């Protein structure tokens, strides 16, 4: 799920905002979305559990 969000945000940045894919942008995505999601996966709801 987190990887889909990052891919969507990167696509939005390139296609809609017309901004470059730069290191600070990807660093913010990884630090703000991916790492917190992986930190404690038990607290995140799993779509397969429903």
C-alpha atoms as a PDB file:
ATOM      1  CA  UNK A   1       0.000   0.000   0.000  1.00  0.00           C
ATOM      2  CA  UNK A   2       2.750   2.469   0.919  1.00  0.00           C
ATOM      3  CA  UNK A   3       4.530   1.748  -2.364  1.00  0.00           C
ATOM      4  CA  UNK A   4       1.337   2.511  -4.277  1.00  0.00           C
ATOM      5  CA  UNK A   5       1.012   5.827  -2.456  1.00  0.00           C
ATOM      6  CA  UNK A   6       4.611   6.767  -3.235  1.00  0.00           C
ATOM      7  CA  UNK A   7       4.164   5.841  -6.905  1.00  0.00           C
ATOM      8  CA  UNK A   8       0.955   7.863  -7.097  1.00  0.00           C
ATOM      9  CA  UNK A   9       2.528  10.892  -5.448  1.00  0.00           C
ATOM     10  CA  UNK A  10       5.535  10.735  -7.765  1.00  0.00           C
ATOM     11  CA  UNK A  11       3.251  10.484 -10.803  1.00  0.00           C
ATOM     12  CA  UNK A  12       1.175  13.425  -9.579  1.00  0.00           C
ATOM     13  CA  UNK A  13       4.308  15.511  -9.094  1.00  0.00           C
ATOM     14  CA  UNK A  14       5.547  14.826 -12.608  1.00  0.00           C
ATOM     15  CA  UNK A  15       2.315  14.835 -14.600  1.00  0.00           C
ATOM     16  CA  UNK A  16       0.177  17.425 -12.808  1.00  0.00           C
ATOM     17  CA  UNK A  17       2.592  19.714 -10.998  1.00  0.00           C
ATOM     18  CA  UNK A  18       5.268  19.503 -13.725  1.00  0.00           C
ATOM     19  CA  UNK A  19       7.998  19.468 -11.088  1.00  0.00           C
ATOM     20  CA  UNK A  20      11.193  17.419 -11.327  1.00  0.00           C
ATOM     21  CA  UNK A  21      11.871  14.208  -9.456  1.00  0.00           C
ATOM     22  CA  UNK A  22      14.644  15.317  -7.170  1.00  0.00           C
ATOM     23  CA  UNK A  23      16.424  13.808  -4.220  1.00  0.00           C
ATOM     24  CA  UNK A  24      14.689  15.976  -1.551  1.00  0.00           C
ATOM     25  CA  UNK A  25      11.267  14.957  -2.908  1.00  0.00           C
ATOM     26  CA  UNK A  26      11.982  11.235  -2.799  1.00  0.00           C
ATOM     27  CA  UNK A  27      13.710  11.571   0.567  1.00  0.00           C
ATOM     28  CA  UNK A  28      10.588  13.246   1.969  1.00  0.00           C
ATOM     29  CA  UNK A  29       8.382  10.463   0.571  1.00  0.00           C
ATOM     30  CA  UNK A  30      10.565   7.731   2.016  1.00  0.00           C
ATOM     31  CA  UNK A  31      11.025   9.416   5.399  1.00  0.00           C
ATOM     32  CA  UNK A  32       7.418  10.581   5.674  1.00  0.00           C
ATOM     33  CA  UNK A  33       5.500   7.592   4.289  1.00  0.00           C
ATOM     34  CA  UNK A  34       7.513   4.447   3.692  1.00  0.00           C
ATOM     35  CA  UNK A  35       9.635   4.267   6.845  1.00  0.00           C
ATOM     36  CA  UNK A  36       6.776   5.069   9.271  1.00  0.00           C
ATOM     37  CA  UNK A  37       4.619   2.442   7.529  1.00  0.00           C
ATOM     38  CA  UNK A  38       7.347  -0.185   7.908  1.00  0.00           C
ATOM     39  CA  UNK A  39       8.234   0.802  11.471  1.00  0.00           C
ATOM     40  CA  UNK A  40       5.317  -1.005  13.084  1.00  0.00           C
ATOM     41  CA  UNK A  41       3.226  -2.939  10.560  1.00  0.00           C
ATOM     42  CA  UNK A  42       0.949  -4.357  13.278  1.00  0.00           C
ATOM     43  CA  UNK A  43      -0.713  -0.961  13.819  1.00  0.00           C
ATOM     44  CA  UNK A  44      -1.681  -0.571  10.165  1.00  0.00           C
ATOM     45  CA  UNK A  45      -4.901  -2.286   9.024  1.00  0.00           C
ATOM     46  CA  UNK A  46      -4.328  -5.018   6.490  1.00  0.00           C
ATOM     47  CA  UNK A  47      -6.687  -5.182   3.533  1.00  0.00           C
ATOM     48  CA  UNK A  48      -6.386  -8.978   3.475  1.00  0.00           C
ATOM     49  CA  UNK A  49      -7.769  -9.251   7.031  1.00  0.00           C
ATOM     50  CA  UNK A  50     -11.174  -7.900   6.029  1.00  0.00           C
END
